[in-house]
Amino acid sequence: MNDLRHYAGELEQMQSLPLEIKIRMTKMRIQQWVYAFSGEAYISFSGGKDSTVLLNIAREVFPNLPAVFCDTGLEYPEIREFVKRFENVVWLKPQMNFRQVIQKYGYPLISKSVANTLRGGHEPGSYRWKKLHGEVFLKNGKPSKFNCVKWQFLLDAPFKVSEQCCDVMKKRPFHKYQKETGQMPIVATMADESMMRKNSWMKYGCNAFDRASGPQSRPMSFWTERDVLEYLIKYDVPYASVYGDIIGLMPDGTIIPMQELQKMAKECGIPEEAELKTSTCDRTGCMFCGFGCHLEKQPNRFQRMAETHPKQY
């Protein structure tokens, strides 16, 4: 039985909509969520650009909606200072620090899926062991795409590898807050960030009232990275300084500076062919997280950190 509520074609259609329509749709989903829980809702605020846009939109509709920030100690210092500028923000703290987490559970490397496989891949014959040895097959006899033989060598690493860091340092504090307050989360995740998030959107939609792991609103699911950057430019929304300027990169290599982009946004619109980028950091999650680092061009996040944040490095 097909339990999907949406299909990939619907998502692509929504992603192609003009920014102004996406903003209105996002506001409608936030309103639906807040009213459904009689006002008992909050914005999950990381201080990153995505959740900054979400908070800006949400507080246009509900000015007193609380934001909740989890201070893991792993954020860029610029992010923490940026969050301090906002009113009505609840600060949470995890019960364990990063050193304790990696010693007990393991270091986050490659991806959540691969790290989970490595964590349970030491038992010969187990499903995760088979994935690491290329022994998971489809019904037609072909190897499963979920096999991850290339990371088998990490089983012999002189440290543990695990996906549990985020659960301990972020999810648990938020779950505790939700249990204590009865407030339900609104998050700034987008479907194009990962296959897992895309599949979740197709199954539950933006407002996941019946999500297996608990209700969660994702009212920006159909947004793209470009939408976020265009919103910040067009509406002159302050964001954390660690990102640097937002620039436009034309196909011929020409760079459009931020001031020019702001002018374009207000007058004729930003050219579709201009790729919008941040000039320094593009993502500002936990500073020491290794997920996805192997996919980055050099200088990668850790090499950049050595230059920009030598103390943390």
C-alpha atoms as a PDB file:
ATOM      1  CA  MET A   1       0.000   0.000   0.000  1.00  0.00           C
ATOM      2  CA  ASN A   2       1.358   3.434  -0.938  1.00  0.00           C
ATOM      3  CA  ASP A   3       1.373   5.685   2.127  1.00  0.00           C
ATOM      4  CA  LEU A   4       2.876   8.747   0.411  1.00  0.00           C
ATOM      5  CA  ARG A   5       0.879  11.970   0.597  1.00  0.00           C
ATOM      6  CA  HIS A   6       2.988  13.775  -1.978  1.00  0.00           C
ATOM      7  CA  TYR A   7       5.168  12.939  -4.952  1.00  0.00           C
ATOM      8  CA  ALA A   8       8.512  14.229  -6.190  1.00  0.00           C
ATOM      9  CA  GLY A   9       6.812  16.066  -9.052  1.00  0.00           C
ATOM     10  CA  GLU A  10       4.736  18.071  -6.573  1.00  0.00           C
ATOM     11  CA  LEU A  11       7.860  19.082  -4.708  1.00  0.00           C
ATOM     12  CA  GLU A  12       9.595  20.202  -7.898  1.00  0.00           C
ATOM     13  CA  GLN A  13       6.545  22.238  -8.846  1.00  0.00           C
ATOM     14  CA  MET A  14       6.450  23.929  -5.432  1.00  0.00           C
ATOM     15  CA  GLN A  15      10.193  24.583  -5.508  1.00  0.00           C
ATOM     16  CA  SER A  16       9.785  26.454  -8.798  1.00  0.00           C
ATOM     17  CA  LEU A  17       7.224  28.911  -7.390  1.00  0.00           C
ATOM     18  CA  PRO A  18       8.143  32.611  -6.950  1.00  0.00           C
ATOM     19  CA  LEU A  19       9.584  33.564  -3.571  1.00  0.00           C
ATOM     20  CA  GLU A  20       6.590  35.753  -2.631  1.00  0.00           C
ATOM     21  CA  ILE A  21       4.196  32.826  -3.055  1.00  0.00           C
ATOM     22  CA  LYS A  22       6.473  30.570  -1.000  1.00  0.00           C
ATOM     23  CA  ILE A  23       6.462  33.133   1.804  1.00  0.00           C
ATOM     24  CA  ARG A  24       2.656  33.203   1.851  1.00  0.00           C
ATOM     25  CA  MET A  25       2.473  29.400   1.812  1.00  0.00           C
ATOM     26  CA  THR A  26       4.972  29.193   4.664  1.00  0.00           C
ATOM     27  CA  LYS A  27       2.965  31.668   6.736  1.00  0.00           C
ATOM     28  CA  MET A  28      -0.190  29.613   6.157  1.00  0.00           C
ATOM     29  CA  ARG A  29       1.524  26.438   7.359  1.00  0.00           C
ATOM     30  CA  ILE A  30       2.856  28.201  10.457  1.00  0.00           C
ATOM     31  CA  GLN A  31      -0.631  29.525  11.241  1.00  0.00           C
ATOM     32  CA  GLN A  32      -2.144  26.078  10.777  1.00  0.00           C
ATOM     33  CA  TRP A  33       0.425  24.587  13.146  1.00  0.00           C
ATOM     34  CA  VAL A  34       0.132  27.204  15.875  1.00  0.00           C
ATOM     35  CA  TYR A  35      -3.672  27.131  15.825  1.00  0.00           C
ATOM     36  CA  ALA A  36      -3.711  23.315  15.849  1.00  0.00           C
ATOM     37  CA  PHE A  37      -1.815  23.340  19.154  1.00  0.00           C
ATOM     38  CA  SER A  38      -3.683  26.327  20.628  1.00  0.00           C
ATOM     39  CA  GLY A  39      -0.583  28.512  20.467  1.00  0.00           C
ATOM     40  CA  GLU A  40       1.695  25.942  22.112  1.00  0.00           C
ATOM     41  CA  ALA A  41       4.478  26.038  19.526  1.00  0.00           C
ATOM     42  CA  TYR A  42       8.057  27.288  19.217  1.00  0.00           C
ATOM     43  CA  ILE A  43      10.680  28.015  16.570  1.00  0.00           C
ATOM     44  CA  SER A  44      13.755  25.802  16.660  1.00  0.00           C
ATOM     45  CA  PHE A  45      16.394  28.515  16.237  1.00  0.00           C
ATOM     46  CA  SER A  46      20.000  27.562  15.507  1.00  0.00           C
ATOM     47  CA  GLY A  47      21.176  31.061  14.609  1.00  0.00           C
ATOM     48  CA  GLY A  48      21.910  29.846  11.071  1.00  0.00           C
ATOM     49  CA  LYS A  49      20.567  31.568   7.988  1.00  0.00           C
ATOM     50  CA  ASP A  50      17.695  29.115   7.395  1.00  0.00           C
ATOM     51  CA  SER A  51      16.231  29.395  10.885  1.00  0.00           C
ATOM     52  CA  THR A  52      16.856  33.161  10.813  1.00  0.00           C
ATOM     53  CA  VAL A  53      14.550  33.397   7.796  1.00  0.00           C
ATOM     54  CA  LEU A  54      11.999  31.129   9.488  1.00  0.00           C
ATOM     55  CA  LEU A  55      12.000  33.211  12.675  1.00  0.00           C
ATOM     56  CA  ASN A  56      11.621  36.417  10.665  1.00  0.00           C
ATOM     57  CA  ILE A  57       8.599  35.041   8.796  1.00  0.00           C
ATOM     58  CA  ALA A  58       7.009  33.420  11.855  1.00  0.00           C
ATOM     59  CA  ARG A  59       7.212  36.567  13.956  1.00  0.00           C
ATOM     60  CA  GLU A  60       5.507  38.570  11.238  1.00  0.00           C
ATOM     61  CA  VAL A  61       2.495  36.354  11.944  1.00  0.00           C
ATOM     62  CA  PHE A  62       3.021  35.636  15.668  1.00  0.00           C
ATOM     63  CA  PRO A  63       5.281  38.344  17.186  1.00  0.00           C
ATOM     64  CA  ASN A  64       5.420  36.603  20.572  1.00  0.00           C
ATOM     65  CA  LEU A  65       6.223  33.117  19.319  1.00  0.00           C
ATOM     66  CA  PRO A  66       9.163  31.824  21.384  1.00  0.00           C
ATOM     67  CA  ALA A  67      12.411  30.683  19.813  1.00  0.00           C
ATOM     68  CA  VAL A  68      14.497  27.914  21.371  1.00  0.00           C
ATOM     69  CA  PHE A  69      18.275  27.666  20.955  1.00  0.00           C
ATOM     70  CA  CYS A  70      20.375  24.710  22.111  1.00  0.00           C
ATOM     71  CA  ASP A  71      23.785  25.912  23.290  1.00  0.00           C
ATOM     72  CA  THR A  72      25.909  22.826  22.665  1.00  0.00           C
ATOM     73  CA  GLY A  73      29.220  24.673  22.959  1.00  0.00           C
ATOM     74  CA  LEU A  74      29.979  23.599  19.380  1.00  0.00           C
ATOM     75  CA  GLU A  75      28.549  26.637  17.606  1.00  0.00           C
ATOM     76  CA  TYR A  76      30.653  29.279  15.911  1.00  0.00           C
ATOM     77  CA  PRO A  77      31.180  32.153  18.374  1.00  0.00           C
ATOM     78  CA  GLU A  78      29.565  34.506  15.855  1.00  0.00           C
ATOM     79  CA  ILE A  79      26.405  32.377  15.950  1.00  0.00           C
ATOM     80  CA  ARG A  80      26.126  32.586  19.735  1.00  0.00           C
ATOM     81  CA  GLU A  81      26.587  36.359  19.661  1.00  0.00           C
ATOM     82  CA  PHE A  82      23.977  36.664  16.916  1.00  0.00           C
ATOM     83  CA  VAL A  83      21.406  34.649  18.878  1.00  0.00           C
ATOM     84  CA  LYS A  84      21.904  36.928  21.892  1.00  0.00           C
ATOM     85  CA  ARG A  85      20.518  39.822  19.846  1.00  0.00           C
ATOM     86  CA  PHE A  86      17.026  38.306  19.753  1.00  0.00           C
ATOM     87  CA  GLU A  87      14.308  38.641  22.367  1.00  0.00           C
ATOM     88  CA  ASN A  88      12.177  35.791  23.675  1.00  0.00           C
ATOM     89  CA  VAL A  89      14.774  33.079  23.060  1.00  0.00           C
ATOM     90  CA  VAL A  90      15.000  30.121  25.438  1.00  0.00           C
ATOM     91  CA  TRP A  91      18.537  28.721  25.810  1.00  0.00           C
ATOM     92  CA  LEU A  92      18.900  24.978  26.393  1.00  0.00           C
ATOM     93  CA  LYS A  93      21.993  23.008  27.450  1.00  0.00           C
ATOM     94  CA  PRO A  94      22.778  19.325  26.803  1.00  0.00           C
ATOM     95  CA  GLN A  95      23.602  17.113  29.780  1.00  0.00           C
ATOM     96  CA  MET A  96      26.869  15.908  28.216  1.00  0.00           C
ATOM     97  CA  ASN A  97      29.661  17.878  26.573  1.00  0.00           C
ATOM     98  CA  PHE A  98      31.215  16.992  23.216  1.00  0.00           C
ATOM     99  CA  ARG A  99      34.252  15.233  24.680  1.00  0.00           C
ATOM    100  CA  GLN A 100      32.026  13.001  26.800  1.00  0.00           C
ATOM    101  CA  VAL A 101      29.807  12.207  23.822  1.00  0.00           C
ATOM    102  CA  ILE A 102      32.604  11.167  21.442  1.00  0.00           C
ATOM    103  CA  GLN A 103      34.299   9.117  24.168  1.00  0.00           C
ATOM    104  CA  LYS A 104      31.093   7.258  25.014  1.00  0.00           C
ATOM    105  CA  TYR A 105      29.364   7.055  21.626  1.00  0.00           C
ATOM    106  CA  GLY A 106      31.839   7.970  18.883  1.00  0.00           C
ATOM    107  CA  TYR A 107      32.748  10.730  16.438  1.00  0.00           C
ATOM    108  CA  PRO A 108      30.274  11.846  13.715  1.00  0.00           C
ATOM    109  CA  LEU A 109      31.864  11.056  10.336  1.00  0.00           C
ATOM    110  CA  ILE A 110      30.725  10.734   6.680  1.00  0.00           C
ATOM    111  CA  SER A 111      26.920  10.781   7.180  1.00  0.00           C
ATOM    112  CA  LYS A 112      24.302   9.757   9.724  1.00  0.00           C
ATOM    113  CA  SER A 113      23.540   6.594   7.763  1.00  0.00           C
ATOM    114  CA  VAL A 114      27.177   5.527   7.360  1.00  0.00           C
ATOM    115  CA  ALA A 115      28.027   6.421  10.964  1.00  0.00           C
ATOM    116  CA  ASN A 116      25.079   4.342  12.172  1.00  0.00           C
ATOM    117  CA  THR A 117      26.285   1.432  10.043  1.00  0.00           C
ATOM    118  CA  LEU A 118      29.815   1.723  11.437  1.00  0.00           C
ATOM    119  CA  ARG A 119      28.510   1.883  15.006  1.00  0.00           C
ATOM    120  CA  GLY A 120      26.782  -1.470  14.618  1.00  0.00           C
ATOM    121  CA  GLY A 121      29.023  -3.010  11.999  1.00  0.00           C
ATOM    122  CA  HIS A 122      31.442  -4.926  14.212  1.00  0.00           C
ATOM    123  CA  GLU A 123      29.239  -8.007  14.633  1.00  0.00           C
ATOM    124  CA  PRO A 124      29.948 -10.489  11.789  1.00  0.00           C
ATOM    125  CA  GLY A 125      26.826 -11.470   9.893  1.00  0.00           C
ATOM    126  CA  SER A 126      24.729  -8.560  11.130  1.00  0.00           C
ATOM    127  CA  TYR A 127      22.870  -6.398   8.602  1.00  0.00           C
ATOM    128  CA  ARG A 128      25.206  -3.452   9.152  1.00  0.00           C
ATOM    129  CA  TRP A 129      28.269  -5.699   8.917  1.00  0.00           C
ATOM    130  CA  LYS A 130      26.923  -6.981   5.579  1.00  0.00           C
ATOM    131  CA  LYS A 131      26.445  -3.411   4.310  1.00  0.00           C
ATOM    132  CA  LEU A 132      30.094  -2.674   5.055  1.00  0.00           C
ATOM    133  CA  HIS A 133      31.191  -5.837   3.241  1.00  0.00           C
ATOM    134  CA  GLY A 134      28.948  -5.389   0.193  1.00  0.00           C
ATOM    135  CA  GLU A 135      26.781  -8.381   1.057  1.00  0.00           C
ATOM    136  CA  VAL A 136      23.321  -6.782   0.981  1.00  0.00           C
ATOM    137  CA  PHE A 137      21.496  -7.635  -2.253  1.00  0.00           C
ATOM    138  CA  LEU A 138      18.192  -6.748  -3.903  1.00  0.00           C
ATOM    139  CA  LYS A 139      15.644  -9.408  -4.891  1.00  0.00           C
ATOM    140  CA  ASN A 140      17.059  -9.355  -8.432  1.00  0.00           C
ATOM    141  CA  GLY A 141      20.495 -10.223  -7.111  1.00  0.00           C
ATOM    142  CA  LYS A 142      22.047  -6.813  -7.647  1.00  0.00           C
ATOM    143  CA  PRO A 143      24.020  -5.181  -4.803  1.00  0.00           C
ATOM    144  CA  SER A 144      22.014  -2.749  -2.684  1.00  0.00           C
ATOM    145  CA  LYS A 145      22.781   0.955  -3.080  1.00  0.00           C
ATOM    146  CA  PHE A 146      22.959   1.072   0.720  1.00  0.00           C
ATOM    147  CA  ASN A 147      26.138  -1.009   0.792  1.00  0.00           C
ATOM    148  CA  CYS A 148      29.062   1.139   1.939  1.00  0.00           C
ATOM    149  CA  VAL A 149      32.173  -0.970   1.407  1.00  0.00           C
ATOM    150  CA  LYS A 150      34.403   2.089   0.883  1.00  0.00           C
ATOM    151  CA  TRP A 151      34.020   2.988   4.575  1.00  0.00           C
ATOM    152  CA  GLN A 152      34.779  -0.489   5.903  1.00  0.00           C
ATOM    153  CA  PHE A 153      38.301   0.625   6.879  1.00  0.00           C
ATOM    154  CA  LEU A 154      36.829   2.879   9.576  1.00  0.00           C
ATOM    155  CA  LEU A 155      35.900  -0.225  11.563  1.00  0.00           C
ATOM    156  CA  ASP A 156      39.620  -0.363  12.439  1.00  0.00           C
ATOM    157  CA  ALA A 157      39.929   3.341  13.282  1.00  0.00           C
ATOM    158  CA  PRO A 158      41.508   4.115  16.696  1.00  0.00           C
ATOM    159  CA  PHE A 159      38.259   5.834  17.721  1.00  0.00           C
ATOM    160  CA  LYS A 160      34.552   5.068  17.656  1.00  0.00           C
ATOM    161  CA  VAL A 161      32.297   6.362  14.874  1.00  0.00           C
ATOM    162  CA  SER A 162      28.643   7.065  15.602  1.00  0.00           C
ATOM    163  CA  GLU A 163      25.649   9.170  14.554  1.00  0.00           C
ATOM    164  CA  GLN A 164      24.475   9.659  18.150  1.00  0.00           C
ATOM    165  CA  CYS A 165      26.136  13.019  18.843  1.00  0.00           C
ATOM    166  CA  CYS A 166      23.201  15.024  17.471  1.00  0.00           C
ATOM    167  CA  ASP A 167      20.706  12.922  19.420  1.00  0.00           C
ATOM    168  CA  VAL A 168      22.485  13.524  22.716  1.00  0.00           C
ATOM    169  CA  MET A 169      23.484  17.153  22.295  1.00  0.00           C
ATOM    170  CA  LYS A 170      20.503  18.561  20.392  1.00  0.00           C
ATOM    171  CA  LYS A 171      17.509  16.256  20.163  1.00  0.00           C
ATOM    172  CA  ARG A 172      17.386  15.240  23.824  1.00  0.00           C
ATOM    173  CA  PRO A 173      17.379  18.840  25.157  1.00  0.00           C
ATOM    174  CA  PHE A 174      14.612  19.772  22.699  1.00  0.00           C
ATOM    175  CA  HIS A 175      12.556  16.685  23.577  1.00  0.00           C
ATOM    176  CA  LYS A 176      12.923  17.508  27.265  1.00  0.00           C
ATOM    177  CA  TYR A 177      11.778  21.078  26.592  1.00  0.00           C
ATOM    178  CA  GLN A 178       8.767  19.853  24.612  1.00  0.00           C
ATOM    179  CA  LYS A 179       7.795  17.427  27.364  1.00  0.00           C
ATOM    180  CA  GLU A 180       8.042  20.129  30.029  1.00  0.00           C
ATOM    181  CA  THR A 181       6.207  22.856  28.092  1.00  0.00           C
ATOM    182  CA  GLY A 182       3.888  20.964  25.738  1.00  0.00           C
ATOM    183  CA  GLN A 183       5.098  23.178  22.881  1.00  0.00           C
ATOM    184  CA  MET A 184       5.498  21.657  19.413  1.00  0.00           C
ATOM    185  CA  PRO A 185       8.495  22.481  17.142  1.00  0.00           C
ATOM    186  CA  ILE A 186       8.639  24.480  13.925  1.00  0.00           C
ATOM    187  CA  VAL A 187      11.931  23.852  12.105  1.00  0.00           C
ATOM    188  CA  ALA A 188      13.641  25.331   9.037  1.00  0.00           C
ATOM    189  CA  THR A 189      14.644  22.101   7.302  1.00  0.00           C
ATOM    190  CA  MET A 190      14.210  21.839   3.521  1.00  0.00           C
ATOM    191  CA  ALA A 191      13.432  18.756   1.445  1.00  0.00           C
ATOM    192  CA  ASP A 192      16.320  19.329  -0.974  1.00  0.00           C
ATOM    193  CA  GLU A 193      18.906  19.027   1.815  1.00  0.00           C
ATOM    194  CA  SER A 194      18.860  15.224   1.871  1.00  0.00           C
ATOM    195  CA  MET A 195      17.002  12.185   0.553  1.00  0.00           C
ATOM    196  CA  MET A 196      15.811  11.479   4.096  1.00  0.00           C
ATOM    197  CA  ARG A 197      14.150  14.904   4.354  1.00  0.00           C
ATOM    198  CA  LYS A 198      12.676  14.608   0.884  1.00  0.00           C
ATOM    199  CA  ASN A 199      11.156  11.225   1.727  1.00  0.00           C
ATOM    200  CA  SER A 200       9.804  12.568   5.012  1.00  0.00           C
ATOM    201  CA  TRP A 201       8.101  15.444   3.196  1.00  0.00           C
ATOM    202  CA  MET A 202       6.536  13.069   0.663  1.00  0.00           C
ATOM    203  CA  LYS A 203       5.192  10.941   3.520  1.00  0.00           C
ATOM    204  CA  TYR A 204       3.994  13.644   5.917  1.00  0.00           C
ATOM    205  CA  GLY A 205       4.000  16.983   4.095  1.00  0.00           C
ATOM    206  CA  CYS A 206       5.104  20.239   5.742  1.00  0.00           C
ATOM    207  CA  ASN A 207       3.067  19.884   8.922  1.00  0.00           C
ATOM    208  CA  ALA A 208       3.819  16.370  10.116  1.00  0.00           C
ATOM    209  CA  PHE A 209       1.116  15.949  12.745  1.00  0.00           C
ATOM    210  CA  ASP A 210       1.344  12.149  12.760  1.00  0.00           C
ATOM    211  CA  ARG A 211       5.110  11.736  12.305  1.00  0.00           C
ATOM    212  CA  ALA A 212       6.298   8.536  13.988  1.00  0.00           C
ATOM    213  CA  SER A 213       8.950  10.306  16.081  1.00  0.00           C
ATOM    214  CA  GLY A 214       6.619  13.133  17.109  1.00  0.00           C
ATOM    215  CA  PRO A 215       4.788  16.103  15.552  1.00  0.00           C
ATOM    216  CA  GLN A 216       6.984  18.574  13.688  1.00  0.00           C
ATOM    217  CA  SER A 217       6.302  21.502  11.356  1.00  0.00           C
ATOM    218  CA  ARG A 218       8.671  22.051   8.408  1.00  0.00           C
ATOM    219  CA  PRO A 219       6.972  25.039   6.704  1.00  0.00           C
ATOM    220  CA  MET A 220      10.000  25.773   4.481  1.00  0.00           C
ATOM    221  CA  SER A 221      10.262  22.231   3.093  1.00  0.00           C
ATOM    222  CA  PHE A 222       9.711  23.426  -0.485  1.00  0.00           C
ATOM    223  CA  TRP A 223      12.283  26.246  -0.246  1.00  0.00           C
ATOM    224  CA  THR A 224      15.760  26.062  -1.744  1.00  0.00           C
ATOM    225  CA  GLU A 225      19.106  27.476  -0.679  1.00  0.00           C
ATOM    226  CA  ARG A 226      18.674  30.222  -3.255  1.00  0.00           C
ATOM    227  CA  ASP A 227      15.298  31.181  -1.771  1.00  0.00           C
ATOM    228  CA  VAL A 228      16.866  31.655   1.655  1.00  0.00           C
ATOM    229  CA  LEU A 229      19.675  33.852   0.344  1.00  0.00           C
ATOM    230  CA  GLU A 230      17.311  35.837  -1.868  1.00  0.00           C
ATOM    231  CA  TYR A 231      15.005  36.445   1.112  1.00  0.00           C
ATOM    232  CA  LEU A 232      17.889  37.758   3.228  1.00  0.00           C
ATOM    233  CA  ILE A 233      18.916  40.108   0.418  1.00  0.00           C
ATOM    234  CA  LYS A 234      15.489  41.288  -0.679  1.00  0.00           C
ATOM    235  CA  TYR A 235      14.136  41.998   2.798  1.00  0.00           C
ATOM    236  CA  ASP A 236      17.456  43.187   4.243  1.00  0.00           C
ATOM    237  CA  VAL A 237      17.314  40.681   7.108  1.00  0.00           C
ATOM    238  CA  PRO A 238      20.377  40.658   9.412  1.00  0.00           C
ATOM    239  CA  TYR A 239      22.162  37.311   9.649  1.00  0.00           C
ATOM    240  CA  ALA A 240      25.216  35.930  11.466  1.00  0.00           C
ATOM    241  CA  SER A 241      28.484  37.530  10.357  1.00  0.00           C
ATOM    242  CA  VAL A 242      30.262  34.165  10.038  1.00  0.00           C
ATOM    243  CA  TYR A 243      28.623  33.706   6.608  1.00  0.00           C
ATOM    244  CA  GLY A 244      30.290  36.794   5.161  1.00  0.00           C
ATOM    245  CA  ASP A 245      28.564  38.603   2.283  1.00  0.00           C
ATOM    246  CA  ILE A 246      26.000  37.096  -0.062  1.00  0.00           C
ATOM    247  CA  ILE A 247      27.352  37.282  -3.611  1.00  0.00           C
ATOM    248  CA  GLY A 248      26.108  36.333  -7.070  1.00  0.00           C
ATOM    249  CA  LEU A 249      28.280  34.199  -9.336  1.00  0.00           C
ATOM    250  CA  MET A 250      27.477  34.515 -13.050  1.00  0.00           C
ATOM    251  CA  PRO A 251      28.180  31.682 -15.550  1.00  0.00           C
ATOM    252  CA  ASP A 252      31.074  33.673 -17.051  1.00  0.00           C
ATOM    253  CA  GLY A 253      32.715  33.983 -13.629  1.00  0.00           C
ATOM    254  CA  THR A 254      31.607  37.553 -12.952  1.00  0.00           C
ATOM    255  CA  ILE A 255      30.890  38.202  -9.282  1.00  0.00           C
ATOM    256  CA  ILE A 256      27.966  40.436  -8.336  1.00  0.00           C
ATOM    257  CA  PRO A 257      28.668  42.046  -4.929  1.00  0.00           C
ATOM    258  CA  MET A 258      26.040  42.070  -2.201  1.00  0.00           C
ATOM    259  CA  GLN A 259      25.254  45.779  -2.532  1.00  0.00           C
ATOM    260  CA  GLU A 260      24.466  45.312  -6.220  1.00  0.00           C
ATOM    261  CA  LEU A 261      22.308  42.259  -5.478  1.00  0.00           C
ATOM    262  CA  GLN A 262      20.301  44.283  -2.959  1.00  0.00           C
ATOM    263  CA  LYS A 263      19.722  46.963  -5.568  1.00  0.00           C
ATOM    264  CA  MET A 264      18.691  44.377  -8.175  1.00  0.00           C
ATOM    265  CA  ALA A 265      16.290  42.672  -5.745  1.00  0.00           C
ATOM    266  CA  LYS A 266      14.417  45.936  -5.180  1.00  0.00           C
ATOM    267  CA  GLU A 267      14.372  47.058  -8.806  1.00  0.00           C
ATOM    268  CA  CYS A 268      14.495  44.458 -11.580  1.00  0.00           C
ATOM    269  CA  GLY A 269      15.074  41.227  -9.661  1.00  0.00           C
ATOM    270  CA  ILE A 270      18.170  39.065  -9.275  1.00  0.00           C
ATOM    271  CA  PRO A 271      19.123  37.289 -12.552  1.00  0.00           C
ATOM    272  CA  GLU A 272      18.073  33.631 -12.540  1.00  0.00           C
ATOM    273  CA  GLU A 273      21.458  32.618 -13.925  1.00  0.00           C
ATOM    274  CA  ALA A 274      23.256  34.159 -10.934  1.00  0.00           C
ATOM    275  CA  GLU A 275      24.255  31.490  -8.418  1.00  0.00           C
ATOM    276  CA  LEU A 276      23.838  32.956  -4.931  1.00  0.00           C
ATOM    277  CA  LYS A 277      26.533  32.045  -2.423  1.00  0.00           C
ATOM    278  CA  THR A 278      27.925  33.192   0.901  1.00  0.00           C
ATOM    279  CA  SER A 279      31.505  34.442   0.751  1.00  0.00           C
ATOM    280  CA  THR A 280      32.861  32.506   3.750  1.00  0.00           C
ATOM    281  CA  CYS A 281      30.889  29.737   5.526  1.00  0.00           C
ATOM    282  CA  ASP A 282      28.017  28.132   3.651  1.00  0.00           C
ATOM    283  CA  ARG A 283      26.774  25.991   6.558  1.00  0.00           C
ATOM    284  CA  THR A 284      27.109  26.770  10.259  1.00  0.00           C
ATOM    285  CA  GLY A 285      26.150  23.652  12.146  1.00  0.00           C
ATOM    286  CA  CYS A 286      28.355  22.253  14.896  1.00  0.00           C
ATOM    287  CA  MET A 287      31.939  23.336  14.226  1.00  0.00           C
ATOM    288  CA  PHE A 288      33.501  19.908  14.755  1.00  0.00           C
ATOM    289  CA  CYS A 289      30.934  17.746  12.960  1.00  0.00           C
ATOM    290  CA  GLY A 290      32.447  15.552  10.243  1.00  0.00           C
ATOM    291  CA  PHE A 291      29.241  14.755   8.366  1.00  0.00           C
ATOM    292  CA  GLY A 292      29.627  15.609   4.688  1.00  0.00           C
ATOM    293  CA  CYS A 293      33.156  16.960   5.016  1.00  0.00           C
ATOM    294  CA  HIS A 294      34.476  14.380   2.531  1.00  0.00           C
ATOM    295  CA  LEU A 295      32.241  15.912  -0.151  1.00  0.00           C
ATOM    296  CA  GLU A 296      33.580  19.449   0.213  1.00  0.00           C
ATOM    297  CA  LYS A 297      36.081  21.067  -2.099  1.00  0.00           C
ATOM    298  CA  GLN A 298      39.306  22.264  -0.534  1.00  0.00           C
ATOM    299  CA  PRO A 299      39.649  24.204   1.595  1.00  0.00           C
ATOM    300  CA  ASN A 300      37.054  22.176   3.495  1.00  0.00           C
ATOM    301  CA  ARG A 301      35.377  23.314   6.739  1.00  0.00           C
ATOM    302  CA  PHE A 302      38.265  22.221   8.970  1.00  0.00           C
ATOM    303  CA  GLN A 303      40.925  23.772   6.744  1.00  0.00           C
ATOM    304  CA  ARG A 304      38.944  27.036   6.734  1.00  0.00           C
ATOM    305  CA  MET A 305      38.531  26.795  10.498  1.00  0.00           C
ATOM    306  CA  ALA A 306      42.308  26.696  10.913  1.00  0.00           C
ATOM    307  CA  GLU A 307      42.454  30.098   9.225  1.00  0.00           C
ATOM    308  CA  THR A 308      39.321  31.788  10.568  1.00  0.00           C
ATOM    309  CA  HIS A 309      38.997  30.266  14.055  1.00  0.00           C
ATOM    310  CA  PRO A 310      42.482  29.039  15.080  1.00  0.00           C
ATOM    311  CA  LYS A 311      41.512  28.788  18.757  1.00  0.00           C
ATOM    312  CA  GLN A 312      38.679  26.354  18.053  1.00  0.00           C
ATOM    313  CA  TYR A 313      40.797  24.487  15.492  1.00  0.00           C
END
